[in-house]
Structures are given as C-alpha cells and as structure tokens.
C-alpha cells in the first residue's frame, strides 16, 4: 500500500504558518499530498467503494455521480506542517494517508443484536421508580375545599 501511495501521490511544498521565527519565512516545510483514489493499486472494487463512501466528504472534485465514475475524479488532499523539517512532514503526510486509507477500506464489524439482562432491566425500572417518587414528593399538596 505504501509503495502505491508514494508512486501515485502528487506532492507540493509551501511555507507553513505559526511559530518558528525566520525559518517559517524562508523554508518550504509544509507538505501537501494529493492522491487520486483511482490510481491506488492493490484495492479491490469493494474496498474502493468503501473508501469512496467513507472519505467522500474529504475528497475534492466530486460530482453527484455514482461511486464508479466519481472515483475517477476523487482526489484526497492531506497536508502536514507540524514539524520544522520538510522530510519529517512528508513522512507524516504519507503515514496519515496510509492510515486513512487502511481504516476506510476495512470492512465494518457486523453488529450482534443483544438484549439487556434481567438484572439490567430491573435496575432501570428501579431507577425510574425512584425518580418518579422523587418528583411526586415535590408536588404541592392538594387542598380540599
């Protein structure tokens, strides 16, 4: 996966903001990584579809087309500017992209429906009963005429 990202990513460098003195004004340490999802190798069609579904809010150049066509134009843009070293920022951007793609392409676990235990139901009902008694105790006494 890492090799595929390195081969297909477009990298640009720019000056990063924030503290750092003259280094910030002179050195292009901010890394911007642009990655076209359609060029990634080693992903099945189902993984690409899951990737598109989970990352669609982070992709640029998206149309309202179905995923198959949109994957062609979807581009993931990441940046890293935490460090003062360009090389370290580049490695962090690659690591960020790899982690994002790995997590997004993974199949989600199936939820196993469960029922609350008898003790849990009893505890909930007891708490509701106590809450009701507390509120009933706050009520003003009704005066008979």
N, C-alpha and C. Protein backbone atom coordinates (compact mmCIF):
# COMPACT_ATOMS: atom_id res chain seq x y z
N UNK A 1 0.83 -1.19 0.00
CA UNK A 1 0.00 0.00 0.00
C UNK A 1 0.87 1.25 0.00
N UNK A 2 1.90 1.24 0.85
CA UNK A 2 2.75 2.42 0.97
C UNK A 2 3.43 2.76 -0.36
N UNK A 3 3.89 1.73 -1.09
CA UNK A 3 4.55 1.97 -2.37
C UNK A 3 3.57 2.57 -3.37
N UNK A 4 2.33 2.07 -3.35
CA UNK A 4 1.31 2.58 -4.26
C UNK A 4 1.03 4.06 -3.97
N UNK A 5 0.98 4.41 -2.70
CA UNK A 5 0.73 5.81 -2.33
C UNK A 5 1.89 6.68 -2.79
N UNK A 6 3.10 6.22 -2.56
CA UNK A 6 4.28 7.01 -2.94
C UNK A 6 4.38 7.21 -4.46
N UNK A 7 3.96 6.18 -5.22
CA UNK A 7 4.04 6.28 -6.68
C UNK A 7 2.98 7.21 -7.25
N UNK A 8 1.80 7.21 -6.66
CA UNK A 8 0.69 7.95 -7.26
C UNK A 8 0.45 9.34 -6.68
N UNK A 9 1.09 9.67 -5.57
CA UNK A 9 0.82 10.94 -4.91
C UNK A 9 1.54 12.09 -5.60
N UNK A 10 0.84 13.22 -5.69
CA UNK A 10 1.45 14.47 -6.14
C UNK A 10 1.79 15.26 -4.88
N UNK A 11 3.03 15.70 -4.78
CA UNK A 11 3.50 16.38 -3.58
C UNK A 11 3.87 17.81 -3.93
N UNK A 12 3.46 18.73 -3.06
CA UNK A 12 3.90 20.11 -3.21
C UNK A 12 4.32 20.63 -1.84
N UNK A 13 5.23 21.59 -1.86
CA UNK A 13 5.76 22.16 -0.63
C UNK A 13 5.45 23.65 -0.61
N UNK A 14 5.19 24.15 0.58
CA UNK A 14 4.93 25.58 0.73
C UNK A 14 5.39 26.03 2.11
N UNK A 15 5.34 27.33 2.33
CA UNK A 15 5.74 27.85 3.64
C UNK A 15 4.61 27.60 4.62
N UNK A 16 4.97 27.14 5.79
CA UNK A 16 3.92 26.88 6.78
C UNK A 16 3.84 28.06 7.74
N UNK A 17 2.68 28.22 8.34
CA UNK A 17 2.48 29.33 9.27
C UNK A 17 2.84 28.94 10.68
N UNK A 18 2.57 29.82 11.60
CA UNK A 18 2.81 29.53 13.00
C UNK A 18 4.18 29.95 13.46
N UNK A 19 4.52 29.58 14.70
CA UNK A 19 5.81 29.97 15.26
C UNK A 19 6.97 29.26 14.57
N UNK A 20 8.12 29.83 14.65
CA UNK A 20 9.31 29.23 14.06
C UNK A 20 10.32 30.26 13.64
N UNK A 21 10.00 31.53 13.84
CA UNK A 21 10.96 32.59 13.53
C UNK A 21 11.22 32.71 12.04
N UNK A 22 12.46 33.00 11.72
CA UNK A 22 12.83 33.21 10.33
C UNK A 22 12.71 31.92 9.52
N UNK A 23 12.81 30.78 10.16
CA UNK A 23 12.71 29.50 9.46
C UNK A 23 11.37 29.41 8.71
N UNK A 24 10.30 29.90 9.34
CA UNK A 24 8.98 29.85 8.72
C UNK A 24 8.94 30.71 7.47
N UNK A 25 9.62 31.83 7.50
CA UNK A 25 9.59 32.76 6.37
C UNK A 25 10.51 32.34 5.23
N UNK A 26 11.46 31.46 5.47
CA UNK A 26 12.46 31.13 4.45
C UNK A 26 12.29 29.75 3.84
N UNK A 27 11.81 28.78 4.62
CA UNK A 27 11.87 27.38 4.21
C UNK A 27 10.47 26.84 3.93
N UNK A 28 10.33 26.11 2.82
CA UNK A 28 9.06 25.48 2.47
C UNK A 28 8.95 24.13 3.16
N UNK A 29 8.41 24.11 4.37
CA UNK A 29 8.34 22.87 5.13
C UNK A 29 6.96 22.23 5.12
N UNK A 30 5.92 22.97 4.76
CA UNK A 30 4.57 22.40 4.73
C UNK A 30 4.45 21.49 3.52
N UNK A 31 3.90 20.29 3.74
CA UNK A 31 3.73 19.31 2.67
C UNK A 31 2.25 19.16 2.37
N UNK A 32 1.89 19.26 1.09
CA UNK A 32 0.53 18.99 0.65
C UNK A 32 0.58 17.78 -0.27
N UNK A 33 -0.18 16.76 0.09
CA UNK A 33 -0.19 15.50 -0.63
C UNK A 33 -1.53 15.35 -1.33
N UNK A 34 -1.52 15.19 -2.64
CA UNK A 34 -2.75 14.97 -3.41
C UNK A 34 -2.70 13.56 -3.96
N UNK A 35 -3.77 12.81 -3.68
CA UNK A 35 -3.78 11.39 -4.02
C UNK A 35 -5.07 11.05 -4.74
N UNK A 36 -4.96 10.60 -6.00
CA UNK A 36 -6.14 10.18 -6.76
C UNK A 36 -6.46 8.75 -6.36
N UNK A 37 -7.67 8.54 -5.89
CA UNK A 37 -8.06 7.22 -5.42
C UNK A 37 -8.10 6.19 -6.54
N UNK A 38 -8.38 6.63 -7.76
CA UNK A 38 -8.47 5.70 -8.88
C UNK A 38 -7.11 5.10 -9.24
N UNK A 39 -6.02 5.77 -8.86
CA UNK A 39 -4.68 5.29 -9.21
C UNK A 39 -4.08 4.36 -8.17
N UNK A 40 -4.75 4.20 -7.03
CA UNK A 40 -4.23 3.32 -5.99
C UNK A 40 -4.27 1.88 -6.45
N UNK A 41 -3.18 1.17 -6.22
CA UNK A 41 -3.10 -0.24 -6.60
C UNK A 41 -3.31 -1.12 -5.38
N UNK A 42 -3.80 -2.33 -5.62
CA UNK A 42 -3.93 -3.29 -4.54
C UNK A 42 -5.25 -3.22 -3.80
N UNK A 43 -6.19 -2.45 -4.29
CA UNK A 43 -7.51 -2.37 -3.65
C UNK A 43 -8.54 -3.03 -4.55
N UNK A 44 -9.40 -3.85 -3.96
CA UNK A 44 -10.47 -4.46 -4.73
C UNK A 44 -11.53 -3.41 -5.03
N UNK A 45 -12.48 -3.78 -5.87
CA UNK A 45 -13.54 -2.83 -6.22
C UNK A 45 -14.39 -2.52 -4.99
N UNK A 46 -14.64 -3.54 -4.16
CA UNK A 46 -15.43 -3.33 -2.94
C UNK A 46 -14.69 -2.40 -1.98
N UNK A 47 -13.37 -2.57 -1.86
CA UNK A 47 -12.58 -1.70 -0.99
C UNK A 47 -12.58 -0.27 -1.52
N UNK A 48 -12.49 -0.11 -2.82
CA UNK A 48 -12.53 1.24 -3.41
C UNK A 48 -13.88 1.90 -3.15
N UNK A 49 -14.95 1.13 -3.23
CA UNK A 49 -16.28 1.67 -2.98
C UNK A 49 -16.41 2.10 -1.51
N UNK A 50 -15.94 1.26 -0.57
CA UNK A 50 -15.97 1.62 0.85
C UNK A 50 -15.11 2.85 1.11
N UNK A 51 -13.96 2.90 0.46
CA UNK A 51 -13.06 4.04 0.59
C UNK A 51 -13.76 5.31 0.14
N UNK A 52 -14.43 5.25 -1.00
CA UNK A 52 -15.14 6.41 -1.50
C UNK A 52 -16.26 6.81 -0.56
N UNK A 53 -17.02 5.82 -0.04
CA UNK A 53 -18.14 6.12 0.84
C UNK A 53 -17.70 6.79 2.14
N UNK A 54 -16.59 6.33 2.71
CA UNK A 54 -16.15 6.88 3.99
C UNK A 54 -15.38 8.19 3.83
N UNK A 55 -14.72 8.38 2.70
CA UNK A 55 -13.91 9.58 2.51
C UNK A 55 -14.56 10.63 1.62
N UNK A 56 -15.80 10.43 1.20
CA UNK A 56 -16.39 11.35 0.22
C UNK A 56 -16.44 12.80 0.70
N UNK A 57 -16.55 13.02 2.01
CA UNK A 57 -16.58 14.40 2.50
C UNK A 57 -15.19 15.04 2.46
N UNK A 58 -14.15 14.23 2.33
CA UNK A 58 -12.78 14.76 2.31
C UNK A 58 -12.20 14.83 0.91
N UNK A 59 -12.95 14.35 -0.09
CA UNK A 59 -12.44 14.32 -1.46
C UNK A 59 -12.76 15.62 -2.18
N UNK A 60 -11.84 16.03 -3.03
CA UNK A 60 -12.09 17.22 -3.85
C UNK A 60 -12.50 16.77 -5.25
N UNK A 61 -13.07 17.65 -6.02
CA UNK A 61 -13.51 17.39 -7.40
C UNK A 61 -14.57 16.31 -7.44
N UNK A 62 -15.53 16.37 -6.54
CA UNK A 62 -16.59 15.36 -6.54
C UNK A 62 -17.79 15.85 -7.33
N UNK A 63 -18.38 14.95 -8.06
CA UNK A 63 -19.63 15.22 -8.74
C UNK A 63 -20.72 14.46 -8.00
N UNK A 64 -21.93 14.59 -8.45
CA UNK A 64 -23.03 13.85 -7.85
C UNK A 64 -23.22 12.51 -8.56
N UNK A 65 -22.20 12.03 -9.22
CA UNK A 65 -22.28 10.77 -9.96
C UNK A 65 -22.13 9.59 -9.01
N UNK A 66 -22.51 8.39 -9.45
CA UNK A 66 -22.31 7.20 -8.63
C UNK A 66 -20.83 6.96 -8.36
N UNK A 67 -20.50 6.19 -7.34
CA UNK A 67 -19.11 5.99 -6.94
C UNK A 67 -18.18 5.54 -8.06
N UNK A 68 -18.63 4.68 -8.96
CA UNK A 68 -17.73 4.16 -10.00
C UNK A 68 -17.14 5.30 -10.85
N UNK A 69 -17.98 6.27 -11.22
CA UNK A 69 -17.49 7.39 -12.02
C UNK A 69 -16.77 8.42 -11.16
N UNK A 70 -17.21 8.59 -9.92
CA UNK A 70 -16.65 9.61 -9.05
C UNK A 70 -15.25 9.24 -8.59
N UNK A 71 -15.00 7.95 -8.45
CA UNK A 71 -13.67 7.51 -8.01
C UNK A 71 -12.62 8.01 -9.00
N UNK A 72 -13.01 8.10 -10.28
CA UNK A 72 -12.06 8.56 -11.29
C UNK A 72 -11.62 9.99 -11.01
N UNK A 73 -12.52 10.82 -10.48
CA UNK A 73 -12.18 12.22 -10.30
C UNK A 73 -11.91 12.58 -8.84
N UNK A 74 -12.16 11.66 -7.90
CA UNK A 74 -11.97 11.96 -6.49
C UNK A 74 -10.49 12.04 -6.13
N UNK A 75 -10.14 13.09 -5.41
CA UNK A 75 -8.75 13.30 -5.03
C UNK A 75 -8.69 13.64 -3.54
N UNK A 76 -7.91 12.87 -2.81
CA UNK A 76 -7.73 13.09 -1.38
C UNK A 76 -6.59 14.08 -1.18
N UNK A 77 -6.85 15.14 -0.42
CA UNK A 77 -5.83 16.17 -0.18
C UNK A 77 -5.52 16.19 1.30
N UNK A 78 -4.25 15.95 1.65
CA UNK A 78 -3.78 15.98 3.03
C UNK A 78 -2.60 16.93 3.13
N UNK A 79 -2.46 17.53 4.30
CA UNK A 79 -1.28 18.38 4.50
C UNK A 79 -0.69 18.12 5.87
N UNK A 80 0.59 18.40 5.99
CA UNK A 80 1.29 18.24 7.26
C UNK A 80 2.27 19.39 7.41
N UNK A 81 2.18 20.09 8.53
CA UNK A 81 3.09 21.22 8.76
C UNK A 81 3.48 21.34 10.22
N UNK A 82 3.39 20.21 10.96
CA UNK A 82 3.66 20.26 12.40
C UNK A 82 5.13 20.47 12.73
N UNK A 83 6.00 19.89 11.91
CA UNK A 83 7.43 19.93 12.21
C UNK A 83 8.14 21.00 11.38
N UNK A 84 9.37 21.31 11.78
CA UNK A 84 10.16 22.29 11.04
C UNK A 84 10.96 21.64 9.93
N UNK A 85 10.89 20.31 9.84
CA UNK A 85 11.63 19.57 8.83
C UNK A 85 10.70 19.13 7.70
N UNK A 86 11.08 19.42 6.48
CA UNK A 86 10.29 19.04 5.32
C UNK A 86 10.18 17.52 5.20
N UNK A 87 11.28 16.83 5.44
CA UNK A 87 11.32 15.37 5.33
C UNK A 87 10.38 14.71 6.34
N UNK A 88 10.38 15.20 7.57
CA UNK A 88 9.51 14.63 8.61
C UNK A 88 8.04 14.90 8.27
N UNK A 89 7.75 16.10 7.79
CA UNK A 89 6.37 16.41 7.39
C UNK A 89 5.92 15.53 6.23
N UNK A 90 6.83 15.24 5.30
CA UNK A 90 6.50 14.37 4.18
C UNK A 90 6.17 12.96 4.68
N UNK A 91 6.98 12.43 5.58
CA UNK A 91 6.73 11.10 6.14
C UNK A 91 5.41 11.07 6.90
N UNK A 92 5.11 12.15 7.63
CA UNK A 92 3.84 12.21 8.37
C UNK A 92 2.65 12.26 7.43
N UNK A 93 2.79 12.95 6.32
CA UNK A 93 1.69 13.02 5.35
C UNK A 93 1.45 11.64 4.74
N UNK A 94 2.53 10.92 4.39
CA UNK A 94 2.39 9.57 3.87
C UNK A 94 1.74 8.65 4.90
N UNK A 95 2.18 8.74 6.15
CA UNK A 95 1.61 7.90 7.21
C UNK A 95 0.13 8.22 7.42
N UNK A 96 -0.22 9.51 7.37
CA UNK A 96 -1.61 9.93 7.52
C UNK A 96 -2.47 9.34 6.41
N UNK A 97 -1.97 9.41 5.18
CA UNK A 97 -2.72 8.88 4.03
C UNK A 97 -2.89 7.37 4.14
N UNK A 98 -1.81 6.69 4.50
CA UNK A 98 -1.88 5.23 4.62
C UNK A 98 -2.87 4.81 5.71
N UNK A 99 -2.82 5.48 6.85
CA UNK A 99 -3.73 5.14 7.96
C UNK A 99 -5.18 5.41 7.56
N UNK A 100 -5.42 6.52 6.90
CA UNK A 100 -6.77 6.88 6.49
C UNK A 100 -7.33 5.86 5.49
N UNK A 101 -6.52 5.47 4.53
CA UNK A 101 -6.96 4.51 3.52
C UNK A 101 -7.17 3.13 4.13
N UNK A 102 -6.27 2.72 5.01
CA UNK A 102 -6.39 1.41 5.64
C UNK A 102 -7.65 1.31 6.49
N UNK A 103 -7.92 2.32 7.28
CA UNK A 103 -9.10 2.32 8.15
C UNK A 103 -10.38 2.41 7.32
N UNK A 104 -10.36 3.23 6.27
CA UNK A 104 -11.56 3.43 5.47
C UNK A 104 -11.92 2.23 4.61
N UNK A 105 -10.93 1.49 4.14
CA UNK A 105 -11.18 0.35 3.26
C UNK A 105 -11.58 -0.90 4.03
N UNK A 106 -11.39 -0.90 5.33
CA UNK A 106 -11.69 -2.08 6.16
C UNK A 106 -13.19 -2.31 6.26
N UNK A 107 -13.58 -3.58 6.25
CA UNK A 107 -14.99 -3.94 6.41
C UNK A 107 -15.43 -3.67 7.84
N UNK A 108 -16.55 -3.00 8.03
CA UNK A 108 -17.01 -2.77 9.40
C UNK A 108 -17.52 -4.07 10.01
N UNK A 109 -17.38 -4.18 11.34
CA UNK A 109 -17.85 -5.36 12.04
C UNK A 109 -19.37 -5.41 12.02
N UNK A 110 -19.91 -6.61 11.89
CA UNK A 110 -21.35 -6.78 11.97
C UNK A 110 -21.78 -6.62 13.41
N UNK A 111 -22.87 -5.90 13.63
CA UNK A 111 -23.38 -5.72 14.98
C UNK A 111 -24.22 -6.93 15.35
N UNK A 112 -23.94 -7.48 16.51
CA UNK A 112 -24.73 -8.58 17.01
C UNK A 112 -25.78 -8.01 17.96
N UNK A 113 -27.05 -8.11 17.60
CA UNK A 113 -28.07 -7.54 18.47
C UNK A 113 -28.12 -8.28 19.81
N UNK A 114 -28.18 -7.56 20.87
CA UNK A 114 -28.24 -8.16 22.21
C UNK A 114 -29.41 -7.58 22.97
N UNK A 115 -29.85 -8.30 23.99
CA UNK A 115 -30.94 -7.83 24.84
C UNK A 115 -30.37 -7.54 26.22
N UNK A 116 -30.94 -6.55 26.90
CA UNK A 116 -30.45 -6.29 28.25
C UNK A 116 -30.78 -7.47 29.17
N UNK A 117 -29.92 -7.70 30.12
CA UNK A 117 -30.13 -8.81 31.06
C UNK A 117 -31.30 -8.48 31.99
N UNK A 118 -31.79 -9.49 32.68
CA UNK A 118 -32.90 -9.28 33.61
C UNK A 118 -32.50 -8.31 34.71
N UNK A 119 -31.26 -8.43 35.19
CA UNK A 119 -30.78 -7.54 36.25
C UNK A 119 -30.72 -6.10 35.75
N UNK A 120 -30.30 -5.90 34.50
CA UNK A 120 -30.21 -4.55 33.94
C UNK A 120 -31.60 -3.95 33.80
N UNK A 121 -32.59 -4.77 33.35
CA UNK A 121 -33.97 -4.27 33.24
C UNK A 121 -34.52 -3.87 34.60
N UNK A 122 -34.27 -4.72 35.59
CA UNK A 122 -34.75 -4.45 36.94
C UNK A 122 -34.13 -3.16 37.51
N UNK A 123 -32.84 -2.99 37.25
CA UNK A 123 -32.12 -1.80 37.72
C UNK A 123 -32.71 -0.53 37.08
N UNK A 124 -33.01 -0.60 35.78
CA UNK A 124 -33.59 0.53 35.07
C UNK A 124 -34.97 0.87 35.64
N UNK A 125 -35.78 -0.14 35.85
CA UNK A 125 -37.13 0.09 36.39
C UNK A 125 -37.07 0.66 37.81
N UNK A 126 -36.12 0.18 38.60
CA UNK A 126 -35.97 0.69 39.96
C UNK A 126 -35.59 2.18 39.93
N UNK A 127 -34.65 2.53 39.04
CA UNK A 127 -34.23 3.93 38.91
C UNK A 127 -35.40 4.81 38.47
N UNK A 128 -36.23 4.29 37.55
CA UNK A 128 -37.40 5.05 37.11
C UNK A 128 -38.39 5.24 38.26
N UNK A 129 -38.58 4.19 39.04
CA UNK A 129 -39.50 4.26 40.17
C UNK A 129 -39.02 5.30 41.19
N UNK A 130 -37.72 5.28 41.50
CA UNK A 130 -37.15 6.24 42.45
C UNK A 130 -37.28 7.67 41.93
N UNK A 131 -37.05 7.86 40.64
CA UNK A 131 -37.17 9.20 40.03
C UNK A 131 -38.61 9.69 40.13
N UNK A 132 -39.56 8.78 39.87
CA UNK A 132 -40.97 9.14 39.96
C UNK A 132 -41.38 9.52 41.38
N UNK A 133 -40.86 8.76 42.37
CA UNK A 133 -41.16 9.07 43.76
C UNK A 133 -40.58 10.41 44.17
N UNK A 134 -39.38 10.70 43.67
CA UNK A 134 -38.73 11.98 43.98
C UNK A 134 -39.57 13.14 43.43
N UNK A 135 -40.05 13.00 42.21
CA UNK A 135 -40.85 14.07 41.60
C UNK A 135 -42.21 14.17 42.28
N UNK A 136 -42.78 13.02 42.66
CA UNK A 136 -44.09 13.05 43.33
C UNK A 136 -43.96 13.76 44.69
N UNK A 137 -42.84 13.61 45.35
CA UNK A 137 -42.61 14.26 46.63
C UNK A 137 -42.50 15.77 46.53
N UNK A 138 -42.19 16.28 45.34
CA UNK A 138 -42.05 17.71 45.13
C UNK A 138 -43.40 18.39 44.92
N UNK A 139 -44.39 17.64 44.55
CA UNK A 139 -45.70 18.21 44.22
C UNK A 139 -46.31 18.87 45.43
N UNK A 140 -47.05 19.93 45.19
CA UNK A 140 -47.74 20.63 46.27
C UNK A 140 -48.92 19.78 46.73
N UNK A 141 -49.19 19.78 48.02
CA UNK A 141 -50.35 19.00 48.48
C UNK A 141 -51.65 19.62 47.95
N UNK A 142 -52.57 18.77 47.61
CA UNK A 142 -53.86 19.22 47.07
C UNK A 142 -54.75 19.59 48.24
N UNK A 143 -55.32 20.80 48.21
CA UNK A 143 -56.20 21.25 49.29
C UNK A 143 -57.65 20.96 48.94
N UNK A 144 -58.37 20.42 49.91
CA UNK A 144 -59.78 20.13 49.68
C UNK A 144 -60.61 21.33 50.09
N UNK A 145 -61.63 21.65 49.35
CA UNK A 145 -62.48 22.80 49.66
C UNK A 145 -63.62 22.44 50.53
